N, C-alpha and C. Protein backbone atom coordinates (compact mmCIF):
# COMPACT_ATOMS: atom_id res chain seq x y z
N MET A 1 -19.62 -11.84 1.53
CA MET A 1 -17.61 -11.92 1.66
C MET A 1 -17.57 -13.33 1.98
N ARG A 2 -16.26 -13.45 0.98
CA ARG A 2 -15.46 -14.66 1.05
C ARG A 2 -14.07 -14.50 1.41
N THR A 3 -13.39 -15.68 1.78
CA THR A 3 -12.03 -15.73 1.95
C THR A 3 -11.33 -15.75 0.84
N PRO A 4 -9.92 -15.75 0.82
CA PRO A 4 -9.39 -15.58 0.01
C PRO A 4 -9.30 -16.86 -0.94
N SER A 5 -9.54 -18.12 -0.22
CA SER A 5 -9.53 -18.89 -0.83
C SER A 5 -10.80 -19.50 -1.69
N GLY A 6 -11.95 -18.62 -1.33
CA GLY A 6 -13.10 -18.71 -2.08
C GLY A 6 -14.41 -19.19 -1.19
N GLN A 7 -14.06 -19.64 0.09
CA GLN A 7 -14.98 -20.03 1.36
C GLN A 7 -15.92 -19.11 1.24
N PRO A 8 -17.09 -18.52 1.72
CA PRO A 8 -18.04 -17.82 2.09
C PRO A 8 -17.80 -17.65 3.29
N ILE A 9 -17.61 -16.57 3.98
CA ILE A 9 -17.63 -15.89 5.42
C ILE A 9 -18.97 -15.48 5.88
N ASP A 10 -19.34 -16.04 7.31
CA ASP A 10 -20.67 -15.76 7.89
C ASP A 10 -21.22 -14.62 7.38
N THR A 11 -22.22 -14.82 6.84
CA THR A 11 -22.76 -13.34 6.45
C THR A 11 -24.17 -13.02 7.42
N THR A 12 -24.35 -13.81 8.59
CA THR A 12 -25.21 -13.19 9.56
C THR A 12 -24.73 -12.21 10.02
N SER A 13 -23.44 -11.15 9.77
CA SER A 13 -23.25 -10.50 10.40
C SER A 13 -22.77 -9.70 9.26
N ALA A 14 -22.30 -8.58 9.43
CA ALA A 14 -21.89 -7.48 8.38
C ALA A 14 -20.03 -7.76 8.38
N ALA A 15 -19.42 -7.66 7.23
CA ALA A 15 -18.28 -8.31 7.05
C ALA A 15 -17.25 -7.25 7.58
N ARG A 16 -16.24 -7.29 8.61
CA ARG A 16 -15.24 -6.59 9.28
C ARG A 16 -14.74 -6.13 8.45
N VAL A 17 -14.36 -4.73 8.69
CA VAL A 17 -13.45 -4.11 7.87
C VAL A 17 -12.15 -3.15 8.61
N VAL A 18 -11.37 -3.32 8.44
CA VAL A 18 -10.20 -2.49 9.39
C VAL A 18 -9.57 -1.12 8.12
N VAL A 19 -9.42 0.18 8.41
CA VAL A 19 -9.53 1.12 7.52
C VAL A 19 -7.94 1.73 7.97
N LEU A 20 -6.98 1.51 7.06
CA LEU A 20 -5.69 2.53 7.74
C LEU A 20 -5.41 4.01 6.77
N VAL A 21 -5.00 4.72 7.99
CA VAL A 21 -5.42 5.99 6.39
C VAL A 21 -4.35 7.01 7.50
N SER A 22 -3.84 8.08 7.07
CA SER A 22 -2.87 8.91 7.53
C SER A 22 -3.10 10.04 7.49
N GLY A 23 -4.54 10.57 7.01
CA GLY A 23 -4.94 11.94 7.42
C GLY A 23 -6.33 12.21 7.84
N ALA A 24 -6.91 13.52 7.15
CA ALA A 24 -8.40 13.62 7.63
C ALA A 24 -9.22 12.68 7.46
N GLY A 25 -9.55 11.86 6.70
CA GLY A 25 -10.10 10.72 6.77
C GLY A 25 -11.09 10.51 6.14
N SER A 26 -11.63 11.59 5.30
CA SER A 26 -12.94 11.75 4.31
C SER A 26 -13.04 10.30 3.69
N ASN A 27 -11.98 9.52 3.20
CA ASN A 27 -12.51 8.18 2.60
C ASN A 27 -13.36 7.46 4.16
N LEU A 28 -12.67 7.69 5.01
CA LEU A 28 -13.25 6.65 6.55
C LEU A 28 -14.87 7.22 6.92
N ALA A 29 -14.87 8.38 6.80
CA ALA A 29 -15.95 9.29 7.03
C ALA A 29 -17.13 8.66 6.28
N ALA A 30 -16.78 8.56 4.54
CA ALA A 30 -17.61 7.74 3.89
C ALA A 30 -18.49 6.76 4.06
N LEU A 31 -17.36 5.73 4.78
CA LEU A 31 -17.35 4.35 4.86
C LEU A 31 -18.12 4.24 6.37
N LEU A 32 -18.13 5.20 7.12
CA LEU A 32 -18.64 4.90 8.46
C LEU A 32 -20.50 5.17 8.06
N ALA A 33 -20.42 6.58 7.47
CA ALA A 33 -21.71 6.47 7.11
C ALA A 33 -22.62 5.80 6.16
N ALA A 34 -21.66 5.07 5.39
CA ALA A 34 -22.48 3.89 4.46
C ALA A 34 -22.64 2.81 5.46
N HIS A 35 -22.15 2.52 6.55
CA HIS A 35 -22.71 1.45 7.17
C HIS A 35 -23.43 1.43 7.95
N GLU A 36 -24.14 2.65 8.17
CA GLU A 36 -25.28 2.94 9.30
C GLU A 36 -26.53 1.75 8.75
N ASP A 37 -26.34 2.01 7.05
CA ASP A 37 -27.21 1.18 6.92
C ASP A 37 -27.29 -0.25 6.86
N PRO A 38 -28.00 -1.04 7.35
CA PRO A 38 -27.62 -2.54 7.49
C PRO A 38 -27.56 -3.13 6.55
N ALA A 39 -28.23 -2.89 5.54
CA ALA A 39 -28.01 -3.77 4.05
C ALA A 39 -26.95 -3.68 3.59
N TYR A 40 -26.31 -2.82 4.21
CA TYR A 40 -24.97 -2.45 3.06
C TYR A 40 -23.84 -3.53 3.30
N GLY A 41 -24.00 -4.11 4.45
CA GLY A 41 -23.25 -5.58 4.24
C GLY A 41 -21.75 -5.59 5.33
N ALA A 42 -20.98 -4.07 5.36
CA ALA A 42 -19.69 -4.04 5.50
C ALA A 42 -19.88 -3.04 7.11
N ARG A 43 -18.79 -3.10 7.84
CA ARG A 43 -18.67 -2.51 9.17
C ARG A 43 -17.49 -2.04 9.40
N VAL A 44 -17.05 -0.99 9.65
CA VAL A 44 -15.51 -0.80 10.00
C VAL A 44 -15.53 -0.91 11.42
N VAL A 45 -14.85 -1.66 12.17
CA VAL A 45 -14.64 -2.26 13.36
C VAL A 45 -13.50 -1.52 13.66
N GLY A 46 -12.19 -1.04 13.33
CA GLY A 46 -10.75 -0.92 13.34
C GLY A 46 -10.33 0.21 12.44
N VAL A 47 -9.86 1.36 13.20
CA VAL A 47 -8.99 2.37 12.06
C VAL A 47 -7.45 1.92 12.86
N VAL A 48 -6.37 2.16 11.97
CA VAL A 48 -5.14 2.38 12.33
C VAL A 48 -4.41 3.38 11.53
N THR A 49 -3.66 4.22 12.12
CA THR A 49 -3.26 5.00 11.56
C THR A 49 -1.81 5.24 11.95
N ASP A 50 -1.02 6.27 11.28
CA ASP A 50 0.71 6.01 11.32
C ASP A 50 1.05 7.36 12.05
N LYS A 51 -0.02 8.17 12.15
CA LYS A 51 0.62 9.59 12.35
C LYS A 51 -0.83 9.99 13.96
N PRO A 52 -0.13 10.20 15.13
CA PRO A 52 -0.70 10.76 16.33
C PRO A 52 -2.38 11.51 16.43
N GLY A 53 -1.88 12.45 15.18
CA GLY A 53 -2.48 13.80 15.20
C GLY A 53 -3.47 13.71 13.75
N ALA A 54 -3.65 12.32 13.17
CA ALA A 54 -4.46 12.16 12.30
C ALA A 54 -6.04 12.46 12.37
N GLY A 55 -6.65 13.42 11.44
CA GLY A 55 -8.00 13.56 12.00
C GLY A 55 -8.77 12.52 11.70
N ALA A 56 -8.35 11.33 11.19
CA ALA A 56 -9.37 9.98 11.38
C ALA A 56 -9.60 9.51 12.39
N LEU A 57 -8.93 9.64 13.56
CA LEU A 57 -9.18 9.38 15.28
C LEU A 57 -10.10 9.77 15.35
N ASP A 58 -10.57 11.52 15.12
CA ASP A 58 -11.75 11.85 15.82
C ASP A 58 -12.45 11.54 14.99
N LEU A 59 -12.99 11.04 13.79
CA LEU A 59 -13.84 10.63 13.27
C LEU A 59 -14.20 8.99 14.11
N ALA A 60 -13.33 8.39 13.99
CA ALA A 60 -13.43 7.08 14.84
C ALA A 60 -13.67 7.29 15.97
N ARG A 61 -13.58 7.98 16.92
CA ARG A 61 -13.52 8.34 18.22
C ARG A 61 -15.31 8.88 18.52
N GLU A 62 -15.92 9.55 17.54
CA GLU A 62 -17.07 10.09 17.21
C GLU A 62 -18.04 9.12 16.97
N ALA A 63 -17.51 7.97 16.42
CA ALA A 63 -18.44 7.05 15.61
C ALA A 63 -18.35 5.50 16.57
N GLY A 64 -17.27 5.81 17.54
CA GLY A 64 -17.58 4.71 18.39
C GLY A 64 -16.88 3.67 17.93
N VAL A 65 -16.03 3.52 16.98
CA VAL A 65 -14.95 2.63 16.33
C VAL A 65 -13.46 2.44 17.34
N ALA A 66 -12.78 1.78 17.30
CA ALA A 66 -11.84 1.89 18.11
C ALA A 66 -10.98 2.19 17.26
N SER A 67 -9.41 2.78 17.85
CA SER A 67 -8.62 3.13 16.83
C SER A 67 -7.24 2.90 17.14
N VAL A 68 -6.36 2.66 16.82
CA VAL A 68 -4.66 2.29 16.99
C VAL A 68 -4.00 3.05 16.33
N VAL A 69 -2.86 3.99 16.89
CA VAL A 69 -1.71 4.74 16.20
C VAL A 69 -0.54 3.83 16.49
N VAL A 70 0.28 3.51 15.33
CA VAL A 70 1.16 3.21 15.27
C VAL A 70 2.29 3.45 14.37
N ALA A 71 3.25 4.62 14.91
CA ALA A 71 3.76 5.34 14.66
C ALA A 71 4.84 4.91 14.45
N PRO A 72 5.68 5.36 13.51
CA PRO A 72 6.81 4.59 12.76
C PRO A 72 8.46 5.16 13.70
N GLY A 73 8.05 6.02 14.60
CA GLY A 73 9.27 6.59 15.77
C GLY A 73 9.01 5.99 16.92
N ASP A 74 8.05 5.13 16.99
CA ASP A 74 7.95 4.00 18.14
C ASP A 74 8.90 2.96 18.13
N PHE A 75 9.22 2.74 16.75
CA PHE A 75 9.72 0.94 16.54
C PHE A 75 11.54 1.32 16.24
N ALA A 76 11.90 -0.06 16.40
CA ALA A 76 13.75 -0.09 16.21
C ALA A 76 13.68 0.51 14.30
N ASP A 77 12.89 -0.19 13.91
CA ASP A 77 13.05 0.27 12.41
C ASP A 77 12.04 -0.62 11.54
N ARG A 78 12.34 0.08 10.40
CA ARG A 78 10.88 0.16 9.42
C ARG A 78 10.05 -1.78 9.33
N ASP A 79 11.00 -3.01 9.82
CA ASP A 79 10.45 -4.31 9.92
C ASP A 79 9.88 -4.37 10.94
N ALA A 80 10.31 -4.05 12.15
CA ALA A 80 9.34 -3.93 13.06
C ALA A 80 7.88 -2.95 13.55
N TRP A 81 8.03 -1.49 12.62
CA TRP A 81 6.79 -1.06 12.38
C TRP A 81 6.07 -1.85 11.66
N ASN A 82 6.44 -2.60 10.57
CA ASN A 82 5.36 -3.50 9.55
C ASN A 82 4.50 -4.13 10.23
N ASP A 83 5.79 -5.06 10.97
CA ASP A 83 5.24 -6.22 11.98
C ASP A 83 3.88 -5.85 13.28
N GLY A 84 4.29 -3.96 13.35
CA GLY A 84 3.42 -3.79 14.56
C GLY A 84 2.07 -3.24 13.87
N VAL A 85 2.28 -2.78 12.72
CA VAL A 85 0.80 -2.64 11.60
C VAL A 85 0.13 -3.45 11.57
N ALA A 86 0.67 -5.25 11.28
CA ALA A 86 0.00 -5.77 10.98
C ALA A 86 -0.55 -6.48 12.22
N GLU A 87 0.01 -6.43 13.29
CA GLU A 87 -0.35 -7.17 14.90
C GLU A 87 -2.20 -6.45 15.12
N ALA A 88 -1.74 -5.09 15.03
CA ALA A 88 -2.43 -4.28 15.11
C ALA A 88 -4.11 -4.21 14.14
N VAL A 89 -3.71 -4.73 13.31
CA VAL A 89 -4.89 -5.21 11.77
C VAL A 89 -5.35 -5.92 12.61
N ALA A 90 -4.46 -7.12 13.04
CA ALA A 90 -5.19 -8.44 12.95
C ALA A 90 -5.66 -8.44 14.43
N VAL A 91 -5.70 -7.84 15.24
CA VAL A 91 -6.54 -7.70 16.64
C VAL A 91 -8.29 -7.53 16.29
N PHE A 92 -8.39 -6.68 14.94
CA PHE A 92 -9.71 -6.66 14.95
C PHE A 92 -10.44 -8.17 14.07
N SER A 93 -9.55 -9.08 13.47
CA SER A 93 -10.07 -9.99 12.65
C SER A 93 -10.49 -9.50 11.59
N PRO A 94 -9.92 -8.93 10.94
CA PRO A 94 -10.87 -8.33 9.38
C PRO A 94 -11.26 -8.99 8.40
N ASP A 95 -12.07 -8.81 7.84
CA ASP A 95 -12.49 -9.62 6.52
C ASP A 95 -12.10 -8.85 5.43
N LEU A 96 -11.92 -7.47 5.27
CA LEU A 96 -11.23 -6.69 4.61
C LEU A 96 -10.42 -5.31 5.16
N VAL A 97 -9.46 -5.17 4.58
CA VAL A 97 -8.17 -4.11 5.00
C VAL A 97 -8.10 -3.12 4.19
N VAL A 98 -8.60 -1.71 4.29
CA VAL A 98 -9.03 -0.88 3.20
C VAL A 98 -7.99 0.46 3.70
N LEU A 99 -7.11 0.41 2.58
CA LEU A 99 -6.09 1.28 2.82
C LEU A 99 -6.77 2.71 2.26
N ALA A 100 -7.09 3.99 2.92
CA ALA A 100 -7.90 4.66 2.48
C ALA A 100 -6.90 6.12 2.66
N GLY A 101 -6.15 6.60 2.09
CA GLY A 101 -5.16 7.86 2.08
C GLY A 101 -3.85 7.31 3.03
N PHE A 102 -3.65 6.21 3.14
CA PHE A 102 -2.48 5.59 3.93
C PHE A 102 -1.17 5.75 3.38
N MET A 103 -0.21 6.57 3.55
CA MET A 103 0.70 7.07 2.80
C MET A 103 2.11 6.07 3.23
N ARG A 104 2.19 5.50 3.51
CA ARG A 104 3.10 4.46 3.56
C ARG A 104 3.14 2.86 3.01
N ILE A 105 4.40 2.43 2.68
CA ILE A 105 4.33 1.20 1.98
C ILE A 105 4.51 -0.03 2.96
N LEU A 106 3.21 -0.71 2.29
CA LEU A 106 3.22 -1.81 3.59
C LEU A 106 4.02 -3.17 3.34
N SER A 107 4.61 -3.92 3.82
CA SER A 107 5.64 -5.06 3.63
C SER A 107 4.88 -6.41 2.93
N PRO A 108 6.24 -6.95 2.30
CA PRO A 108 5.51 -8.57 2.07
C PRO A 108 4.68 -8.84 2.92
N ALA A 109 5.34 -8.62 3.83
CA ALA A 109 4.55 -9.90 4.80
C ALA A 109 3.34 -9.66 5.30
N PHE A 110 3.14 -8.32 5.29
CA PHE A 110 1.83 -7.42 5.48
C PHE A 110 0.87 -8.04 4.54
N VAL A 111 1.36 -7.54 2.97
CA VAL A 111 0.27 -8.02 2.00
C VAL A 111 -0.06 -9.43 2.19
N ASP A 112 0.90 -10.57 2.53
CA ASP A 112 0.86 -11.84 2.42
C ASP A 112 0.12 -12.10 3.45
N ARG A 113 0.10 -12.09 4.45
CA ARG A 113 -0.72 -12.09 5.47
C ARG A 113 -2.31 -11.66 5.59
N PHE A 114 -2.35 -10.80 4.81
CA PHE A 114 -4.29 -10.09 4.52
C PHE A 114 -4.39 -10.20 2.94
N ALA A 115 -3.53 -11.22 2.11
CA ALA A 115 -3.54 -11.09 0.95
C ALA A 115 -5.09 -11.39 0.52
N GLY A 116 -5.28 -10.73 -0.37
CA GLY A 116 -7.15 -11.02 -1.35
C GLY A 116 -7.83 -10.42 -0.93
N ARG A 117 -7.54 -9.68 0.46
CA ARG A 117 -8.38 -9.00 1.11
C ARG A 117 -8.27 -7.61 1.58
N THR A 118 -6.84 -7.12 1.18
CA THR A 118 -6.35 -5.68 1.29
C THR A 118 -6.92 -4.94 -0.09
N ILE A 119 -7.29 -3.78 0.24
CA ILE A 119 -7.51 -3.01 -1.68
C ILE A 119 -7.10 -1.89 -1.13
N ASN A 120 -6.86 -0.57 -1.83
CA ASN A 120 -6.81 0.57 -1.73
C ASN A 120 -7.17 1.18 -2.98
N THR A 121 -6.97 2.69 -2.40
CA THR A 121 -7.38 3.65 -3.53
C THR A 121 -6.42 4.40 -3.98
N HIS A 122 -6.45 4.98 -5.31
CA HIS A 122 -5.51 5.83 -6.10
C HIS A 122 -6.48 7.07 -6.43
N PRO A 123 -5.67 8.26 -6.95
CA PRO A 123 -6.45 8.94 -6.99
C PRO A 123 -5.92 9.24 -8.55
N ALA A 124 -5.95 8.17 -9.69
CA ALA A 124 -5.87 8.37 -11.10
C ALA A 124 -6.24 7.12 -11.63
N LEU A 125 -6.17 7.04 -13.00
CA LEU A 125 -6.88 5.65 -13.57
C LEU A 125 -5.49 5.16 -14.01
N LEU A 126 -5.24 3.66 -12.94
CA LEU A 126 -4.09 2.94 -13.36
C LEU A 126 -4.32 2.29 -14.14
N PRO A 127 -3.23 1.54 -14.90
CA PRO A 127 -1.93 1.47 -14.68
C PRO A 127 -0.97 3.24 -14.75
N SER A 128 -2.08 4.14 -15.18
CA SER A 128 -1.37 5.31 -15.37
C SER A 128 -1.49 5.91 -14.25
N PHE A 129 0.12 7.25 -14.19
CA PHE A 129 0.36 7.83 -13.34
C PHE A 129 0.10 6.82 -11.92
N PRO A 130 0.87 6.16 -11.26
CA PRO A 130 0.99 5.29 -10.14
C PRO A 130 1.75 6.19 -9.18
N GLY A 131 1.62 6.02 -8.02
CA GLY A 131 2.76 6.83 -7.03
C GLY A 131 2.05 7.70 -6.23
N ALA A 132 2.72 8.64 -5.40
CA ALA A 132 2.11 9.57 -4.81
C ALA A 132 1.66 10.79 -5.36
N HIS A 133 2.14 11.16 -6.44
CA HIS A 133 1.68 12.07 -7.29
C HIS A 133 0.57 11.91 -8.23
N GLY A 134 -0.06 11.00 -8.32
CA GLY A 134 -0.62 10.75 -9.49
C GLY A 134 -1.66 11.72 -9.91
N VAL A 135 -2.37 12.91 -9.26
CA VAL A 135 -3.25 13.70 -9.91
C VAL A 135 -2.07 14.69 -10.47
N ARG A 136 -0.77 15.53 -9.93
CA ARG A 136 0.06 16.39 -10.12
C ARG A 136 0.72 15.40 -11.78
N ASP A 137 1.02 14.30 -11.58
CA ASP A 137 1.42 13.92 -13.34
C ASP A 137 0.51 13.66 -14.13
N ALA A 138 -0.91 13.00 -13.73
CA ALA A 138 -2.17 13.44 -14.79
C ALA A 138 -2.02 14.60 -15.52
N LEU A 139 -2.14 16.17 -14.31
CA LEU A 139 -2.28 17.06 -15.08
C LEU A 139 -0.80 17.45 -16.15
N ALA A 140 0.36 17.04 -15.47
CA ALA A 140 1.54 17.55 -16.50
C ALA A 140 1.70 16.88 -17.42
N TYR A 141 1.44 15.87 -17.59
CA TYR A 141 0.96 15.41 -19.20
C TYR A 141 0.13 15.57 -20.00
N GLY A 142 -0.86 16.23 -19.37
CA GLY A 142 -1.91 17.19 -20.51
C GLY A 142 -2.51 16.16 -20.47
N VAL A 143 -3.35 15.24 -20.03
CA VAL A 143 -4.46 14.42 -20.04
C VAL A 143 -5.51 15.09 -20.15
N LYS A 144 -6.97 14.33 -20.63
CA LYS A 144 -8.19 15.09 -20.60
C LYS A 144 -9.29 14.79 -19.88
N VAL A 145 -8.55 13.19 -19.47
CA VAL A 145 -9.27 12.36 -18.46
C VAL A 145 -8.70 11.92 -17.50
N THR A 146 -8.90 11.88 -16.29
CA THR A 146 -8.11 10.84 -15.36
C THR A 146 -9.40 10.45 -14.23
N GLY A 147 -9.13 10.30 -13.20
CA GLY A 147 -9.90 9.84 -12.11
C GLY A 147 -9.30 8.76 -11.03
N CYS A 148 -10.53 7.72 -10.79
CA CYS A 148 -9.63 7.24 -9.61
C CYS A 148 -9.99 5.53 -10.15
N THR A 149 -9.12 4.56 -8.81
CA THR A 149 -8.63 3.31 -8.89
C THR A 149 -8.99 2.77 -7.77
N VAL A 150 -9.91 1.73 -7.55
CA VAL A 150 -9.78 0.65 -6.38
C VAL A 150 -9.09 -0.48 -6.96
N HIS A 151 -7.94 -0.90 -6.27
CA HIS A 151 -7.50 -1.98 -6.70
C HIS A 151 -6.89 -2.79 -5.48
N VAL A 152 -6.63 -4.21 -5.84
CA VAL A 152 -6.09 -4.76 -4.62
C VAL A 152 -4.48 -4.65 -4.37
N VAL A 153 -4.46 -5.12 -3.29
CA VAL A 153 -2.84 -4.63 -2.78
C VAL A 153 -2.07 -5.86 -2.97
N ASP A 154 -0.60 -5.21 -3.65
CA ASP A 154 0.25 -6.34 -3.92
C ASP A 154 1.36 -5.93 -3.61
N ASN A 155 2.60 -6.33 -4.03
CA ASN A 155 3.90 -6.07 -3.54
C ASN A 155 4.33 -4.93 -4.44
N GLY A 156 3.56 -4.64 -5.07
CA GLY A 156 4.33 -2.97 -5.86
C GLY A 156 3.66 -2.03 -5.22
N VAL A 157 4.09 -0.79 -6.21
CA VAL A 157 3.19 0.20 -5.74
C VAL A 157 2.50 0.49 -6.72
N ASP A 158 1.07 0.56 -6.62
CA ASP A 158 -0.15 0.74 -7.15
C ASP A 158 -0.12 -0.36 -8.38
N THR A 159 0.05 -1.47 -7.90
CA THR A 159 0.25 -2.52 -9.31
C THR A 159 -0.75 -3.71 -9.35
N GLY A 160 -1.37 -4.06 -8.15
CA GLY A 160 -1.96 -5.07 -7.88
C GLY A 160 -3.58 -4.70 -8.95
N PRO A 161 -4.66 -5.79 -9.35
CA PRO A 161 -5.58 -5.95 -9.60
C PRO A 161 -6.18 -5.27 -9.67
N ILE A 162 -7.02 -4.69 -10.46
CA ILE A 162 -7.69 -3.36 -10.48
C ILE A 162 -9.52 -4.12 -10.14
N ILE A 163 -9.94 -3.18 -9.14
CA ILE A 163 -11.43 -3.86 -9.00
C ILE A 163 -12.53 -3.08 -9.67
N ALA A 164 -12.12 -1.14 -9.59
CA ALA A 164 -13.15 -0.38 -9.92
C ALA A 164 -12.37 0.36 -10.50
N GLN A 165 -13.06 1.38 -11.22
CA GLN A 165 -12.57 2.68 -11.62
C GLN A 165 -13.71 3.49 -11.97
N ALA A 166 -13.56 5.05 -11.50
CA ALA A 166 -14.63 5.81 -12.17
C ALA A 166 -13.82 7.01 -12.68
N ALA A 167 -14.15 7.62 -13.96
CA ALA A 167 -13.31 8.56 -14.83
C ALA A 167 -13.79 10.08 -14.55
N VAL A 168 -13.06 10.86 -14.35
CA VAL A 168 -13.10 12.18 -13.57
C VAL A 168 -12.61 13.33 -15.04
N ALA A 169 -13.63 14.26 -15.49
CA ALA A 169 -12.91 14.81 -16.67
C ALA A 169 -11.86 16.00 -16.03
N VAL A 170 -10.96 16.17 -17.16
CA VAL A 170 -9.93 17.35 -16.48
C VAL A 170 -10.31 18.85 -17.52
N GLU A 171 -10.32 19.64 -16.46
CA GLU A 171 -11.03 20.79 -17.29
C GLU A 171 -9.65 21.74 -17.52
N ASP A 172 -9.65 22.91 -18.41
CA ASP A 172 -8.34 23.59 -18.98
C ASP A 172 -8.01 24.27 -18.10
N SER A 173 -8.95 25.21 -16.37
CA SER A 173 -8.95 25.59 -15.41
C SER A 173 -8.26 25.18 -14.43
N ASP A 174 -8.29 23.52 -14.17
CA ASP A 174 -8.00 22.97 -13.35
C ASP A 174 -6.27 23.14 -12.82
N ASP A 175 -5.83 22.88 -11.43
CA ASP A 175 -5.08 23.14 -10.66
C ASP A 175 -5.10 21.78 -9.94
N GLU A 176 -3.71 21.69 -9.56
CA GLU A 176 -3.71 20.31 -8.65
C GLU A 176 -4.50 19.98 -7.60
N ARG A 177 -5.14 20.95 -6.68
CA ARG A 177 -5.61 21.19 -5.97
C ARG A 177 -7.44 20.92 -6.40
N VAL A 178 -7.50 21.67 -7.13
CA VAL A 178 -8.95 21.71 -7.71
C VAL A 178 -9.48 20.60 -8.55
N LEU A 179 -8.38 19.60 -9.08
CA LEU A 179 -9.10 18.66 -9.80
C LEU A 179 -9.17 17.43 -8.61
N HIS A 180 -7.70 17.40 -7.64
CA HIS A 180 -7.79 16.34 -6.76
C HIS A 180 -9.07 16.30 -5.93
N GLU A 181 -9.15 17.59 -5.47
CA GLU A 181 -10.99 17.63 -4.96
C GLU A 181 -12.15 17.07 -5.66
N ARG A 182 -12.07 17.21 -6.74
CA ARG A 182 -12.98 16.70 -7.59
C ARG A 182 -12.94 15.27 -7.97
N ILE A 183 -11.81 14.54 -7.96
CA ILE A 183 -11.15 13.50 -7.98
C ILE A 183 -12.06 12.72 -6.65
N LYS A 184 -11.67 13.15 -5.45
CA LYS A 184 -11.86 13.08 -3.97
C LYS A 184 -13.36 12.21 -4.02
N VAL A 185 -14.35 13.21 -4.72
CA VAL A 185 -15.65 13.08 -4.27
C VAL A 185 -15.87 11.80 -5.17
N ALA A 186 -15.55 11.49 -6.20
CA ALA A 186 -15.58 10.46 -7.00
C ALA A 186 -14.85 9.23 -6.26
N GLU A 187 -13.78 9.36 -5.79
CA GLU A 187 -13.12 8.59 -5.20
C GLU A 187 -14.27 7.74 -3.78
N ARG A 188 -14.73 8.31 -3.49
CA ARG A 188 -15.44 8.35 -2.14
C ARG A 188 -16.57 7.49 -2.37
N ALA A 189 -17.45 7.87 -3.68
CA ALA A 189 -18.61 7.22 -4.28
C ALA A 189 -17.70 5.87 -4.19
N LEU A 190 -17.05 5.75 -5.17
CA LEU A 190 -16.09 4.86 -5.91
C LEU A 190 -15.81 3.78 -4.84
N LEU A 191 -15.10 4.00 -3.37
CA LEU A 191 -14.68 3.06 -2.45
C LEU A 191 -15.96 2.47 -1.56
N VAL A 192 -16.76 3.20 -1.32
CA VAL A 192 -18.13 3.02 -0.48
C VAL A 192 -19.14 2.05 -1.29
N GLU A 193 -19.24 2.34 -2.68
CA GLU A 193 -19.44 0.92 -3.58
C GLU A 193 -19.26 -0.77 -3.67
N THR A 194 -17.69 -0.46 -3.74
CA THR A 194 -16.80 -1.30 -3.88
C THR A 194 -16.32 -1.94 -2.79
N VAL A 195 -16.46 -1.41 -1.45
CA VAL A 195 -16.72 -2.37 -0.38
C VAL A 195 -17.69 -3.20 -0.27
N GLY A 196 -18.96 -2.21 -0.27
CA GLY A 196 -19.94 -2.95 0.13
C GLY A 196 -20.60 -4.09 -1.07
N ARG A 197 -20.53 -4.12 -2.23
CA ARG A 197 -20.47 -5.30 -2.80
C ARG A 197 -18.87 -6.63 -2.56
N ALA A 198 -17.80 -5.91 -2.22
CA ALA A 198 -17.19 -6.84 -1.98
C ALA A 198 -17.42 -7.40 -0.67
N ALA A 199 -18.19 -7.06 -0.15
CA ALA A 199 -18.60 -7.52 1.52
C ALA A 199 -20.15 -8.55 1.12
N ARG A 200 -21.01 -8.15 0.10
CA ARG A 200 -22.07 -8.75 -0.29
C ARG A 200 -21.88 -9.47 -0.75
N GLU A 201 -21.31 -9.75 -1.65
CA GLU A 201 -21.02 -10.66 -3.31
C GLU A 201 -19.95 -11.32 -3.11
N GLY A 202 -18.57 -10.82 -2.36
CA GLY A 202 -17.40 -11.59 -2.56
C GLY A 202 -16.29 -10.95 -3.24
N LEU A 203 -15.48 -10.77 -3.16
CA LEU A 203 -14.53 -10.60 -3.79
C LEU A 203 -13.00 -11.29 -4.42
N ARG A 204 -12.50 -12.17 -5.47
CA ARG A 204 -11.75 -12.95 -5.96
C ARG A 204 -10.83 -12.22 -6.66
N VAL A 205 -9.29 -13.31 -6.60
CA VAL A 205 -8.32 -12.35 -8.01
C VAL A 205 -8.33 -13.81 -8.60
N GLU A 206 -8.17 -13.54 -9.72
CA GLU A 206 -7.89 -14.64 -10.64
C GLU A 206 -6.69 -14.00 -11.51
N GLY A 207 -5.64 -14.09 -11.63
CA GLY A 207 -4.16 -13.39 -12.32
C GLY A 207 -4.58 -11.85 -12.10
N ARG A 208 -4.45 -11.61 -13.19
CA ARG A 208 -4.41 -9.95 -13.26
C ARG A 208 -6.16 -9.41 -13.17
N ARG A 209 -6.92 -10.28 -12.85
CA ARG A 209 -8.29 -9.74 -12.85
C ARG A 209 -8.86 -9.71 -11.29
N ALA A 210 -9.35 -8.53 -10.86
CA ALA A 210 -10.10 -8.76 -9.47
C ALA A 210 -11.71 -8.58 -10.05
N LEU A 211 -12.80 -9.61 -9.35
CA LEU A 211 -13.81 -9.87 -9.97
C LEU A 211 -14.78 -10.03 -8.34
N LEU A 212 -15.81 -9.17 -8.37
CA LEU A 212 -16.67 -8.80 -7.61
C LEU A 212 -17.93 -9.73 -7.91
N GLY A 213 -18.61 -10.58 -6.98
CA GLY A 213 -19.63 -11.44 -7.01
C GLY A 213 -19.51 -12.87 -7.55
C-alpha cells in the first residue's frame, strides 16, 4: 500500500481499512470474509455508519470490529456532522476508506483529508448513470449492458477517477430489484478484488487515471 504521495506504507502488517456504510452491509460482509486470508493484504479495522439500526453494525460486532454511529440528528448542522464523520474515521488511522453503500455525500473537507485513499462503489458503468438511482436509470434508458464501478472519491457525485469496472448484462425480463441483485454479486467481487490489490500493490491517481500497482 502507498500513501497519496506514493510513499510505501509498512507492509509488515495488513493495510488498515475503514468502511462507511448505511445499510445491511453486504459489501462489508464480503470484505470481512476476504481478510480472513492473511495474504489478502487488507483488514477492516473500523466501521462507521450514519444509521443507528444499520445491519452492518451486527456484522461488525460478530467480526469483532469496532464500529461507530455518527447520526446526522446528533449534530447541529451538516458541516458539524461531516466533521464528526471525519474524526470517527481518523481514529482508526486508515490506509483506505471504503464507501460501501454509504448513502450520504461527504464534504470537500472530508475528501481532502483522505484524498487519494477514499474509494466508492456504484451500481452502474460510470460515467453513465451516476447518482442514487443508477440501476433504475440504466433500465429506463434501455441499455443492454450495465454493471458496477469502483472509483476514487472526489468532490463531485460519482465523478472520481475509475479504478475498476465489471459488466452485467441486462435481461429483457429484468426489473430494478432483479437487476440490482445481479449487479450486487458483481460489485462485491469487484470491491474485494480492488481493495486487495490496492493494499498489496498500491493505488495512485494521475489526472483522470486511477492505477493499481
